């Protein structure tokens, strides 16, 4: 009781002194007390306010990075050191994020040293606003050697977490590139990944390694004096997976995607304005570069007189044609000119179904650094599709599929995927339909090949129904009756091969029936 009475007497004395002593003297005593405490304390304390200066207008970017960093180290050991956390989740993300609750502390470790972050939230007197800040506590002895590398670590970790966790967007130009914003966007939620892509393992590995080296190559590109960008040319027949590969690249790198529609761009100036408005860490896509606008004229094959005559005609018209459209020169400057370095960490992707139709100046080294040829499914790609659609790792029909692939019956991933999707409830039926489609391609009965001869009667049917018409034996009989379309020996070899495949299928089904 005596101790409590003494404490009350001391507190009463402090209250009296606080009311009697001048404010300046109290502030001086408080500063002296804090300095004395800091002198004897083995730790240093650094404050990171939410806003810079006294006006509270300029946002402190380090405060935001510290908040992201503490969110990125979300693990059981870290969460256990903090008694209260604030959980949140946005509508556009499935990730649950947490922040340190007011006046709570989270401990961290770096270079075998223990550090801590305390989140302070104070209410401003006579106001509804709050003053927020983080306080970093670190050993005083290692203050100078520890602070700079630790803050670099916090910044890099926060940027990586922000890149991975933020909502990515799919942009397209709206035809008003010369204004403040020439792009409109929607959330980018394409499910394609390199795990689900129907690509050969070696090609998949080469692409992912190149993308990883590019994303981690900031210092390298700056050291060699090159703009931090990379060009990809994807070429192959329709349905070979060009768009799916672009989506997988964006998901792998967590980049935004800008789908540039050149037919909506009025001239080269608008094209440059659209480039300036794109952000870092993005993929700029121009699909079907050979047929979007007239950029693929073979300049070397044109007679010089024709070129000069067109120039004179354009001059006579006041060069309205040249200034009213996107030119090849403008697109070249877009991909590799001075304006192409106005941002960093960008990938430019061109796609085409016919590589030979693209102007060589667009696809030379330095503009399109990586050329990816996509075609029909190999065996590894086919197994990946079967795994994705049917959930099977192996099946007796794989041997028949491999034989068809060796005989030229390969299909594009889109064609195989459509057959598997249509019959995903019955794996045996799905694989039989795939084999039938491959057999039809070998004979030229489907997919637009060989339809001009004896199969013209079936042209009105859908490709799926055409694939199921008749059998290899009936095809041979029908071919002999019509006299063929030339190359009879090759036709007979193909049909004999398919008859042999059919007999193998029957024998295999007979063994399963037994």
Protein backbone atom coordinates (compact mmCIF):
# COMPACT_ATOMS: atom_id res chain seq x y z
CA UNK A 1 0.00 0.00 0.00
CA UNK A 2 2.88 2.33 0.80
CA UNK A 3 4.39 1.77 -2.66
CA UNK A 4 1.09 2.47 -4.38
CA UNK A 5 0.64 5.67 -2.42
CA UNK A 6 4.12 6.80 -3.41
CA UNK A 7 3.38 6.08 -7.09
CA UNK A 8 0.16 8.09 -6.91
CA UNK A 9 2.04 10.94 -5.25
CA UNK A 10 4.68 10.85 -8.04
CA UNK A 11 2.06 10.86 -10.76
CA UNK A 12 0.31 13.76 -9.05
CA UNK A 13 3.59 15.66 -8.94
CA UNK A 14 4.14 15.03 -12.69
CA UNK A 15 0.66 16.31 -13.45
CA UNK A 16 1.27 19.46 -11.43
CA UNK A 17 4.65 20.05 -13.12
CA UNK A 18 3.09 19.51 -16.56
CA UNK A 19 0.53 22.21 -15.83
CA UNK A 20 3.02 24.60 -14.24
CA UNK A 21 6.15 24.28 -16.38
CA UNK A 22 6.30 26.00 -19.80
CA UNK A 23 5.68 23.91 -22.91
CA UNK A 24 9.16 24.61 -24.29
CA UNK A 25 10.77 23.30 -21.12
CA UNK A 26 8.65 20.15 -21.16
CA UNK A 27 9.61 19.51 -24.77
CA UNK A 28 13.26 19.98 -23.92
CA UNK A 29 13.04 17.54 -20.99
CA UNK A 30 11.27 14.99 -23.22
CA UNK A 31 13.99 15.26 -25.88
CA UNK A 32 16.67 14.90 -23.21
CA UNK A 33 14.98 11.76 -21.90
CA UNK A 34 14.78 10.20 -25.38
CA UNK A 35 18.42 11.04 -26.10
CA UNK A 36 19.47 9.47 -22.81
CA UNK A 37 17.41 6.38 -23.62
CA UNK A 38 18.91 6.10 -27.11
CA UNK A 39 22.43 6.45 -25.70
CA UNK A 40 22.08 3.47 -23.40
CA UNK A 41 19.92 1.37 -25.76
CA UNK A 42 21.73 -1.26 -27.92
CA UNK A 43 19.28 -0.64 -30.80
CA UNK A 44 18.70 2.04 -33.40
CA UNK A 45 15.19 3.14 -34.32
CA UNK A 46 14.32 4.46 -37.81
CA UNK A 47 10.88 5.83 -38.65
CA UNK A 48 9.27 5.44 -42.09
CA UNK A 49 6.22 7.77 -42.29
CA UNK A 50 3.40 7.28 -44.77
CA UNK A 51 3.86 10.76 -46.23
CA UNK A 52 6.94 12.88 -46.82
CA UNK A 53 7.22 16.33 -45.23
CA UNK A 54 4.72 18.10 -43.03
CA UNK A 55 2.00 18.77 -45.60
CA UNK A 56 1.07 15.10 -45.96
CA UNK A 57 0.68 15.25 -49.74
CA UNK A 58 3.74 13.48 -51.15
CA UNK A 59 3.39 9.72 -50.57
CA UNK A 60 6.45 7.97 -49.18
CA UNK A 61 7.14 5.08 -51.56
CA UNK A 62 9.30 3.33 -48.95
CA UNK A 63 6.27 3.04 -46.65
CA UNK A 64 4.35 1.24 -49.41
CA UNK A 65 7.31 -1.06 -50.07
CA UNK A 66 7.65 -1.93 -46.38
CA UNK A 67 3.95 -2.79 -46.30
CA UNK A 68 4.34 -5.04 -49.36
CA UNK A 69 7.47 -6.62 -47.93
CA UNK A 70 5.77 -7.55 -44.66
CA UNK A 71 2.96 -9.02 -46.73
CA UNK A 72 5.42 -11.05 -48.81
CA UNK A 73 7.02 -12.69 -45.76
CA UNK A 74 3.71 -14.23 -44.81
CA UNK A 75 4.83 -17.48 -43.19
CA UNK A 76 3.91 -19.26 -39.93
CA UNK A 77 7.02 -18.11 -38.09
CA UNK A 78 6.42 -14.46 -39.01
CA UNK A 79 2.71 -14.61 -38.28
CA UNK A 80 3.40 -16.19 -34.89
CA UNK A 81 5.51 -13.20 -33.79
CA UNK A 82 2.63 -10.78 -34.36
CA UNK A 83 -0.40 -11.07 -32.15
CA UNK A 84 -2.79 -9.15 -34.42
CA UNK A 85 -2.97 -9.04 -38.21
CA UNK A 86 -5.44 -7.31 -40.52
CA UNK A 87 -6.66 -9.62 -43.32
CA UNK A 88 -8.11 -8.40 -46.63
CA UNK A 89 -8.90 -9.60 -50.15
CA UNK A 90 -9.93 -7.62 -53.22
CA UNK A 91 -12.71 -8.65 -55.59
CA UNK A 92 -10.28 -9.12 -58.48
CA UNK A 93 -7.85 -11.41 -56.63
CA UNK A 94 -8.00 -14.75 -54.86
CA UNK A 95 -4.95 -13.91 -52.74
CA UNK A 96 -5.53 -13.05 -49.08
CA UNK A 97 -3.22 -10.25 -47.95
CA UNK A 98 -2.45 -9.17 -44.44
CA UNK A 99 -1.08 -6.04 -42.84
CA UNK A 100 0.30 -5.49 -39.39
CA UNK A 101 -2.40 -4.20 -37.05
CA UNK A 102 -1.88 -0.81 -35.36
CA UNK A 103 0.87 -0.72 -32.73
CA UNK A 104 1.90 -4.33 -33.42
CA UNK A 105 5.42 -5.63 -34.09
CA UNK A 106 6.72 -8.16 -36.63
CA UNK A 107 10.20 -9.64 -36.25
CA UNK A 108 12.47 -10.34 -39.20
CA UNK A 109 15.97 -11.71 -39.74
CA UNK A 110 18.66 -10.63 -42.18
CA UNK A 111 22.34 -11.65 -42.35
CA UNK A 112 22.05 -13.49 -39.01
CA UNK A 113 20.67 -10.37 -37.29
CA UNK A 114 17.24 -9.90 -35.75
CA UNK A 115 15.25 -6.85 -36.77
CA UNK A 116 11.68 -5.77 -36.14
CA UNK A 117 9.03 -3.56 -37.72
CA UNK A 118 6.40 -1.80 -35.58
CA UNK A 119 3.32 -0.30 -37.19
CA UNK A 120 2.31 2.96 -35.47
CA UNK A 121 -1.11 4.50 -36.05
CA UNK A 122 -1.82 7.76 -34.16
CA UNK A 123 -4.96 9.86 -34.36
CA UNK A 124 -4.38 13.49 -35.20
CA UNK A 125 -5.76 15.80 -32.51
CA UNK A 126 -9.07 17.50 -33.43
CA UNK A 127 -9.24 15.53 -36.69
CA UNK A 128 -10.49 12.22 -38.07
CA UNK A 129 -7.23 11.62 -39.93
CA UNK A 130 -4.63 9.11 -38.79
CA UNK A 131 -0.87 9.34 -38.88
CA UNK A 132 0.73 6.04 -39.92
CA UNK A 133 4.36 5.01 -39.88
CA UNK A 134 6.65 2.00 -39.57
CA UNK A 135 9.54 1.95 -37.11
CA UNK A 136 12.55 -0.23 -37.91
CA UNK A 137 14.51 -1.56 -34.94
CA UNK A 138 18.00 -2.89 -35.69
CA UNK A 139 21.27 -3.44 -33.75
CA UNK A 140 23.12 -0.17 -33.22
CA UNK A 141 26.55 -1.76 -33.61
CA UNK A 142 25.74 -2.92 -37.17
CA UNK A 143 23.64 0.08 -38.16
CA UNK A 144 25.84 1.34 -41.01
CA UNK A 145 26.72 -2.06 -42.49
CA UNK A 146 23.22 -3.50 -42.18
CA UNK A 147 20.84 -0.70 -43.12
CA UNK A 148 21.62 -0.17 -46.82
CA UNK A 149 21.66 -3.85 -47.93
CA UNK A 150 18.58 -4.61 -45.83
CA UNK A 151 16.57 -1.79 -47.42
CA UNK A 152 17.68 -2.99 -50.87
CA UNK A 153 16.45 -6.44 -49.90
CA UNK A 154 13.11 -5.00 -48.75
CA UNK A 155 12.70 -3.03 -51.99
CA UNK A 156 13.49 -5.93 -54.33
CA UNK A 157 11.29 -8.34 -52.39
CA UNK A 158 8.42 -5.84 -52.38
CA UNK A 159 8.69 -5.23 -56.15
CA UNK A 160 8.68 -8.96 -56.84
CA UNK A 161 5.66 -9.49 -54.59
CA UNK A 162 3.81 -6.61 -56.25
CA UNK A 163 4.57 -8.01 -59.70
CA UNK A 164 3.26 -11.47 -58.81
CA UNK A 165 0.22 -10.49 -56.75
CA UNK A 166 -1.18 -7.52 -58.66
CA UNK A 167 -4.08 -7.91 -61.04
CA UNK A 168 -2.84 -8.14 -64.62
CA UNK A 169 -4.69 -6.47 -67.48
CA UNK A 170 -5.38 -7.14 -71.15
CA UNK A 171 -5.30 -3.91 -73.17
CA UNK A 172 -6.46 -3.06 -76.67
CA UNK A 173 -6.24 0.24 -78.51
CA UNK A 174 -9.49 2.18 -78.84
CA UNK A 175 -8.62 4.21 -81.93
CA UNK A 176 -7.74 7.36 -79.99
CA UNK A 177 -4.03 6.88 -79.39
CA UNK A 178 -3.21 10.56 -79.72
CA UNK A 179 -5.25 11.37 -76.62
CA UNK A 180 -4.24 10.88 -73.00
CA UNK A 181 -5.24 7.21 -72.96
CA UNK A 182 -5.41 5.26 -76.19
CA UNK A 183 -5.95 1.91 -74.45
CA UNK A 184 -8.90 0.21 -72.78
CA UNK A 185 -8.42 -2.84 -70.59
CA UNK A 186 -10.10 -5.79 -68.91
CA UNK A 187 -8.70 -8.21 -66.31
CA UNK A 188 -6.37 -10.77 -67.89
CA UNK A 189 -7.38 -14.22 -66.65
CA UNK A 190 -6.29 -16.56 -69.42
CA UNK A 191 -5.62 -20.01 -67.88
CA UNK A 192 -2.86 -21.06 -70.30
CA UNK A 193 0.45 -22.01 -68.69
CA UNK A 194 3.58 -23.80 -69.86
CA UNK A 195 2.39 -26.86 -67.90
CA UNK A 196 -0.77 -27.10 -70.04
CA UNK A 197 0.77 -26.11 -73.39
CA UNK A 198 1.02 -28.76 -76.09
CA UNK A 199 4.71 -28.19 -76.85
CA UNK A 200 7.68 -30.46 -77.15
CA UNK A 201 9.70 -30.51 -73.87
CA UNK A 202 12.89 -29.16 -75.46
CA UNK A 203 11.11 -26.21 -77.06
CA UNK A 204 9.24 -25.47 -73.85
CA UNK A 205 12.47 -25.51 -71.86
CA UNK A 206 14.25 -23.21 -74.32
CA UNK A 207 11.43 -20.64 -74.21
CA UNK A 208 11.14 -20.60 -70.41
CA UNK A 209 14.91 -20.30 -69.98
CA UNK A 210 15.02 -17.40 -72.44
CA UNK A 211 12.15 -15.63 -70.67
CA UNK A 212 13.78 -16.09 -67.27
CA UNK A 213 17.11 -14.75 -68.53
CA UNK A 214 15.33 -11.73 -70.01
CA UNK A 215 13.36 -10.94 -66.84
CA UNK A 216 16.54 -11.15 -64.72
CA UNK A 217 18.73 -9.27 -67.21
CA UNK A 218 18.30 -5.66 -66.12
CA UNK A 219 21.94 -5.15 -65.18
CA UNK A 220 23.14 -7.03 -68.28
CA UNK A 221 21.10 -4.91 -70.73
CA UNK A 222 22.25 -1.70 -69.06
CA UNK A 223 25.88 -2.84 -69.06
CA UNK A 224 25.96 -3.68 -72.80
CA UNK A 225 23.99 -0.55 -73.74
CA UNK A 226 20.87 -2.20 -75.17
CA UNK A 227 17.23 -1.38 -74.58
CA UNK A 228 15.68 -3.86 -72.18
CA UNK A 229 13.28 -5.46 -74.64
CA UNK A 230 12.98 -8.68 -76.62
CA UNK A 231 11.20 -9.65 -79.82
CA UNK A 232 9.40 -12.94 -80.50
CA UNK A 233 8.11 -14.11 -83.88
CA UNK A 234 5.56 -16.92 -83.61
CA UNK A 235 4.74 -18.53 -86.92
CA UNK A 236 2.76 -21.61 -87.80
CA UNK A 237 -0.56 -22.79 -89.26
CA UNK A 238 -3.88 -21.77 -87.71
CA UNK A 239 -4.60 -23.70 -84.52
CA UNK A 240 -0.94 -24.38 -83.72
CA UNK A 241 -1.14 -22.56 -80.37
CA UNK A 242 0.33 -19.11 -81.01
CA UNK A 243 -2.20 -17.22 -78.88
CA UNK A 244 -2.00 -19.83 -76.11
CA UNK A 245 1.79 -19.46 -76.05
CA UNK A 246 1.47 -15.67 -75.66
CA UNK A 247 -0.91 -16.16 -72.72
CA UNK A 248 1.45 -18.68 -71.14
CA UNK A 249 4.34 -16.23 -71.50
CA UNK A 250 2.30 -13.50 -69.80
CA UNK A 251 1.31 -15.81 -66.94
CA UNK A 252 4.88 -17.05 -66.56
CA UNK A 253 6.32 -13.53 -66.27
CA UNK A 254 3.23 -11.91 -64.66
CA UNK A 255 3.18 -9.25 -67.40
CA UNK A 256 0.31 -7.18 -68.78
CA UNK A 257 -0.68 -7.81 -72.42
CA UNK A 258 -1.23 -5.06 -75.00
CA UNK A 259 -3.06 -6.38 -78.08
CA UNK A 260 -2.30 -3.78 -80.75
CA UNK A 261 -4.82 -3.66 -83.58
CA UNK A 262 -2.97 -1.89 -86.40
CA UNK A 263 -6.11 -1.36 -88.48
CA UNK A 264 -7.33 1.09 -85.80
CA UNK A 265 -4.09 3.13 -85.88
CA UNK A 266 -4.37 6.11 -88.21
CA UNK A 267 -0.69 6.98 -88.72
CA UNK A 268 2.84 6.64 -87.38
CA UNK A 269 2.39 9.43 -84.83
CA UNK A 270 -0.52 7.62 -83.20
CA UNK A 271 1.53 4.43 -83.19
CA UNK A 272 4.30 6.20 -81.23
CA UNK A 273 1.73 7.67 -78.84
CA UNK A 274 0.38 4.19 -78.13
CA UNK A 275 3.88 2.90 -77.45
CA UNK A 276 4.56 5.68 -74.96
CA UNK A 277 1.37 4.85 -73.06
CA UNK A 278 2.33 1.21 -72.48
CA UNK A 279 3.77 0.25 -69.10
CA UNK A 280 6.90 -1.61 -68.15
CA UNK A 281 6.72 -5.37 -67.65
CA UNK A 282 4.33 -5.90 -70.54
CA UNK A 283 3.94 -7.92 -73.73
CA UNK A 284 2.96 -5.97 -76.87
CA UNK A 285 1.26 -8.27 -79.38
CA UNK A 286 0.56 -7.69 -83.09
CA UNK A 287 -1.25 -10.76 -84.43
CA UNK A 288 -1.26 -11.74 -88.10
CA UNK A 289 1.35 -9.14 -88.94
CA UNK A 290 1.33 -10.21 -92.60
CA UNK A 291 -2.33 -9.33 -93.22
CA UNK A 292 -3.34 -6.59 -90.75
CA UNK A 293 -2.09 -3.74 -92.95
CA UNK A 294 -0.07 -3.52 -96.16
CA UNK A 295 3.41 -3.77 -94.64
CA UNK A 296 4.80 -6.83 -96.34
CA UNK A 297 5.52 -5.53 -99.82
CA UNK A 298 8.72 -7.02 -101.18
CA UNK A 299 10.71 -3.87 -101.76
CA UNK A 300 13.63 -5.66 -103.39
CA UNK A 301 11.49 -7.20 -106.13
CA UNK A 302 9.71 -3.99 -107.10
CA UNK A 303 11.01 -2.33 -110.27
CA UNK A 304 12.57 1.03 -109.54
CA UNK A 305 10.32 2.72 -112.08
CA UNK A 306 7.24 1.49 -110.21
CA UNK A 307 8.56 2.90 -106.93
CA UNK A 308 9.36 6.27 -108.49
CA UNK A 309 5.96 6.43 -110.19
CA UNK A 310 4.16 5.79 -106.88
CA UNK A 311 6.22 8.43 -105.15
CA UNK A 312 5.29 10.99 -107.81
CA UNK A 313 1.62 10.06 -107.47
CA UNK A 314 1.80 10.52 -103.70
CA UNK A 315 3.47 13.90 -104.10
CA UNK A 316 0.77 14.93 -106.54
CA UNK A 317 -1.89 13.97 -103.97
CA UNK A 318 -0.09 15.92 -101.25
CA UNK A 319 1.23 12.70 -99.65
CA UNK A 320 -2.15 12.07 -98.08
CA UNK A 321 -1.84 8.35 -98.51
CA UNK A 322 1.54 8.17 -96.77
CA UNK A 323 0.52 10.37 -93.87
CA UNK A 324 -2.86 8.69 -93.39
CA UNK A 325 -1.68 5.19 -92.58
CA UNK A 326 0.90 3.19 -90.69
CA UNK A 327 3.98 2.59 -92.82
CA UNK A 328 6.65 -0.06 -92.65
CA UNK A 329 9.16 2.57 -91.54
CA UNK A 330 6.89 3.59 -88.68
CA UNK A 331 6.51 0.01 -87.51
CA UNK A 332 10.28 -0.56 -87.70
CA UNK A 333 10.85 2.50 -85.51
CA UNK A 334 8.17 1.20 -83.16
CA UNK A 335 10.01 -2.08 -82.63
CA UNK A 336 13.64 -1.03 -82.82
CA UNK A 337 13.93 2.76 -83.12
CA UNK A 338 14.72 5.44 -80.56
CA UNK A 339 11.13 5.42 -79.28
CA UNK A 340 11.31 1.71 -78.48
CA UNK A 341 13.52 2.43 -75.45
CA UNK A 342 11.01 4.74 -73.74
CA UNK A 343 10.18 1.88 -71.34
CA UNK A 344 11.85 -1.19 -69.89
CA UNK A 345 11.20 -4.92 -69.61
CA UNK A 346 8.97 -5.18 -72.65
CA UNK A 347 8.45 -8.09 -75.02
CA UNK A 348 7.16 -7.47 -78.56
CA UNK A 349 5.45 -10.45 -80.22
CA UNK A 350 4.51 -10.79 -83.88
CA UNK A 351 2.40 -13.73 -85.06
CA UNK A 352 1.84 -14.94 -88.60
CA UNK A 353 0.52 -18.01 -90.35
CA UNK A 354 2.98 -17.56 -93.22
CA UNK A 355 6.45 -16.45 -92.28
CA UNK A 356 7.57 -15.92 -95.88
CA UNK A 357 4.94 -13.21 -96.32
CA UNK A 358 6.48 -11.00 -93.63
CA UNK A 359 8.90 -8.30 -94.74
CA UNK A 360 12.48 -9.41 -93.89
CA UNK A 361 13.19 -6.04 -92.27
CA UNK A 362 10.59 -6.79 -89.58
CA UNK A 363 12.01 -10.14 -88.54
CA UNK A 364 15.75 -9.56 -88.66
CA UNK A 365 17.93 -10.03 -85.57
CA UNK A 366 17.61 -7.14 -83.18
CA UNK A 367 13.89 -6.78 -83.90
CA UNK A 368 12.62 -10.34 -83.62
CA UNK A 369 15.29 -12.02 -81.49
CA UNK A 370 13.54 -15.37 -81.10
CA UNK A 371 11.71 -17.19 -83.91
CA UNK A 372 9.37 -19.92 -82.68
CA UNK A 373 7.99 -22.32 -85.28
CA UNK A 374 4.74 -23.92 -84.15
CA UNK A 375 3.17 -26.73 -86.12
CA UNK A 376 1.32 -29.95 -85.64
CA UNK A 377 1.44 -32.07 -82.50
CA UNK A 378 4.31 -34.39 -81.85
CA UNK A 379 3.94 -37.36 -79.53
CA UNK A 380 4.93 -35.44 -76.40
CA UNK A 381 2.50 -32.64 -77.22
CA UNK A 382 -0.27 -35.16 -77.93
CA UNK A 383 0.27 -36.88 -74.58
CA UNK A 384 0.11 -33.49 -72.87
CA UNK A 385 -3.27 -32.80 -74.49
CA UNK A 386 -4.59 -36.22 -73.50
CA UNK A 387 -3.42 -35.59 -69.95
CA UNK A 388 -5.14 -32.19 -69.86
CA UNK A 389 -8.46 -33.25 -71.42
CA UNK A 390 -8.83 -36.89 -70.35
CA UNK A 391 -6.54 -37.19 -67.34
CA UNK A 392 -4.69 -40.19 -68.84
CA UNK A 393 -0.96 -40.80 -68.73
CA UNK A 394 -1.03 -43.84 -71.02
CA UNK A 395 -3.43 -45.70 -73.30
CA UNK A 396 -3.12 -48.63 -75.77
CA UNK A 397 -4.10 -46.29 -78.62
CA UNK A 398 -0.89 -44.30 -78.17
CA UNK A 399 0.98 -46.79 -80.39
CA UNK A 400 -1.52 -46.23 -83.22
CA UNK A 401 -1.24 -42.47 -82.80
CA UNK A 402 2.54 -42.65 -82.98
CA UNK A 403 2.35 -44.72 -86.18
CA UNK A 404 0.00 -42.15 -87.73
CA UNK A 405 2.35 -39.33 -86.76
CA UNK A 406 5.25 -41.05 -88.50
CA UNK A 407 3.11 -41.44 -91.63
CA UNK A 408 2.21 -37.75 -91.88
CA UNK A 409 -1.12 -37.73 -90.09
CA UNK A 410 -0.25 -35.15 -87.45
CA UNK A 411 -2.95 -32.63 -86.45
CA UNK A 412 -2.68 -29.20 -84.90
CA UNK A 413 -3.29 -28.83 -81.15
CA UNK A 414 -6.60 -27.09 -81.88
CA UNK A 415 -7.82 -30.03 -83.98
CA UNK A 416 -6.78 -32.62 -81.40
CA UNK A 417 -8.19 -30.53 -78.56
CA UNK A 418 -11.56 -30.19 -80.28
CA UNK A 419 -11.90 -33.97 -80.71
CA UNK A 420 -10.86 -34.64 -77.10
CA UNK A 421 -13.18 -31.92 -75.77
CA UNK A 422 -16.15 -33.29 -77.68
CA UNK A 423 -15.59 -36.81 -76.31
CA UNK A 424 -14.10 -36.01 -72.91
CA UNK A 425 -16.65 -38.30 -71.21
CA UNK A 426 -15.34 -41.40 -73.04
CA UNK A 427 -11.57 -41.70 -73.36
CA UNK A 428 -11.67 -44.72 -75.69
CA UNK A 429 -14.07 -43.00 -78.07
CA UNK A 430 -12.03 -39.80 -77.99
CA UNK A 431 -8.80 -41.55 -78.95
CA UNK A 432 -10.56 -43.57 -81.67
CA UNK A 433 -11.85 -40.34 -83.18
CA UNK A 434 -8.37 -38.82 -83.05
CA UNK A 435 -6.91 -41.87 -84.85
CA UNK A 436 -9.70 -41.65 -87.44
CA UNK A 437 -8.95 -37.96 -87.99
CA UNK A 438 -5.25 -38.73 -88.47
CA UNK A 439 -6.10 -41.51 -90.93
CA UNK A 440 -8.33 -39.13 -92.85
CA UNK A 441 -5.53 -36.58 -93.08
CA UNK A 442 -3.13 -39.22 -94.41
CA UNK A 443 -5.66 -40.04 -97.14
CA UNK A 444 -6.47 -36.37 -97.75
CA UNK A 445 -10.16 -36.76 -96.91
CA UNK A 446 -10.44 -34.04 -94.28
CA UNK A 447 -9.29 -30.64 -93.20
CA UNK A 448 -9.47 -29.19 -96.71
CA UNK A 449 -7.00 -31.63 -98.30
CA UNK A 450 -7.94 -33.91 -101.17
CA UNK A 451 -11.59 -32.81 -101.13
CA UNK A 452 -11.61 -31.86 -104.80
CA UNK A 453 -11.76 -35.44 -106.16
CA UNK A 454 -13.98 -38.31 -105.10
CA UNK A 455 -14.71 -36.76 -101.70
CA UNK A 456 -16.55 -33.77 -103.15
CA UNK A 457 -19.88 -35.36 -102.20
CA UNK A 458 -18.85 -35.22 -98.57
CA UNK A 459 -17.84 -31.58 -98.71
CA UNK A 460 -21.21 -30.46 -97.41
CA UNK A 461 -20.80 -32.40 -94.19
CA UNK A 462 -18.93 -31.17 -91.15
CA UNK A 463 -15.30 -32.27 -90.74
CA UNK A 464 -16.28 -34.52 -87.83
CA UNK A 465 -18.87 -36.41 -89.87
CA UNK A 466 -16.50 -36.74 -92.82
CA UNK A 467 -13.92 -38.37 -90.57
CA UNK A 468 -16.37 -41.08 -89.60
CA UNK A 469 -17.57 -41.96 -93.14
CA UNK A 470 -16.56 -45.43 -94.33
CA UNK A 471 -13.43 -47.43 -93.54
CA UNK A 472 -9.98 -47.78 -95.15
CA UNK A 473 -11.22 -50.79 -97.15
CA UNK A 474 -14.14 -48.83 -98.57
CA UNK A 475 -11.82 -45.89 -99.36
CA UNK A 476 -9.60 -48.23 -101.41
CA UNK A 477 -12.57 -49.67 -103.27
CA UNK A 478 -13.99 -46.24 -103.93
CA UNK A 479 -10.63 -44.97 -105.13
CA UNK A 480 -10.22 -47.81 -107.62
CA UNK A 481 -13.73 -47.32 -109.01
CA UNK A 482 -13.17 -43.59 -109.60
CA UNK A 483 -9.74 -44.03 -111.11
CA UNK A 484 -8.00 -41.89 -108.48
CA UNK A 485 -6.65 -38.38 -108.72
CA UNK A 486 -3.12 -39.23 -109.71
CA UNK A 487 -0.32 -40.76 -107.73
CA UNK A 488 -2.13 -44.10 -107.40
CA UNK A 489 0.87 -45.95 -106.05
CA UNK A 490 1.28 -43.50 -103.18
CA UNK A 491 -2.44 -43.70 -102.46
CA UNK A 492 -2.39 -47.48 -102.35
CA UNK A 493 0.56 -47.46 -99.95
CA UNK A 494 -1.27 -45.11 -97.61
CA UNK A 495 -4.46 -47.15 -97.71
CA UNK A 496 -2.58 -50.41 -97.11
CA UNK A 497 -0.92 -48.78 -94.12
CA UNK A 498 -4.33 -47.72 -92.74
CA UNK A 499 -5.80 -51.19 -93.34
CA UNK A 500 -2.92 -52.61 -91.33
CA UNK A 501 -3.60 -50.06 -88.59
CA UNK A 502 -7.27 -51.00 -88.58
CA UNK A 503 -6.44 -54.70 -88.22
CA UNK A 504 -4.17 -53.85 -85.30
CA UNK A 505 -7.01 -51.90 -83.72
CA UNK A 506 -9.40 -54.81 -84.11
CA UNK A 507 -6.90 -57.30 -82.70
CA UNK A 508 -6.20 -54.99 -79.78
CA UNK A 509 -9.93 -54.62 -79.01
CA UNK A 510 -10.30 -58.40 -79.29
CA UNK A 511 -7.56 -58.94 -76.72
CA UNK A 512 -9.27 -56.50 -74.35
CA UNK A 513 -12.58 -58.30 -74.87
CA UNK A 514 -10.97 -61.62 -73.93
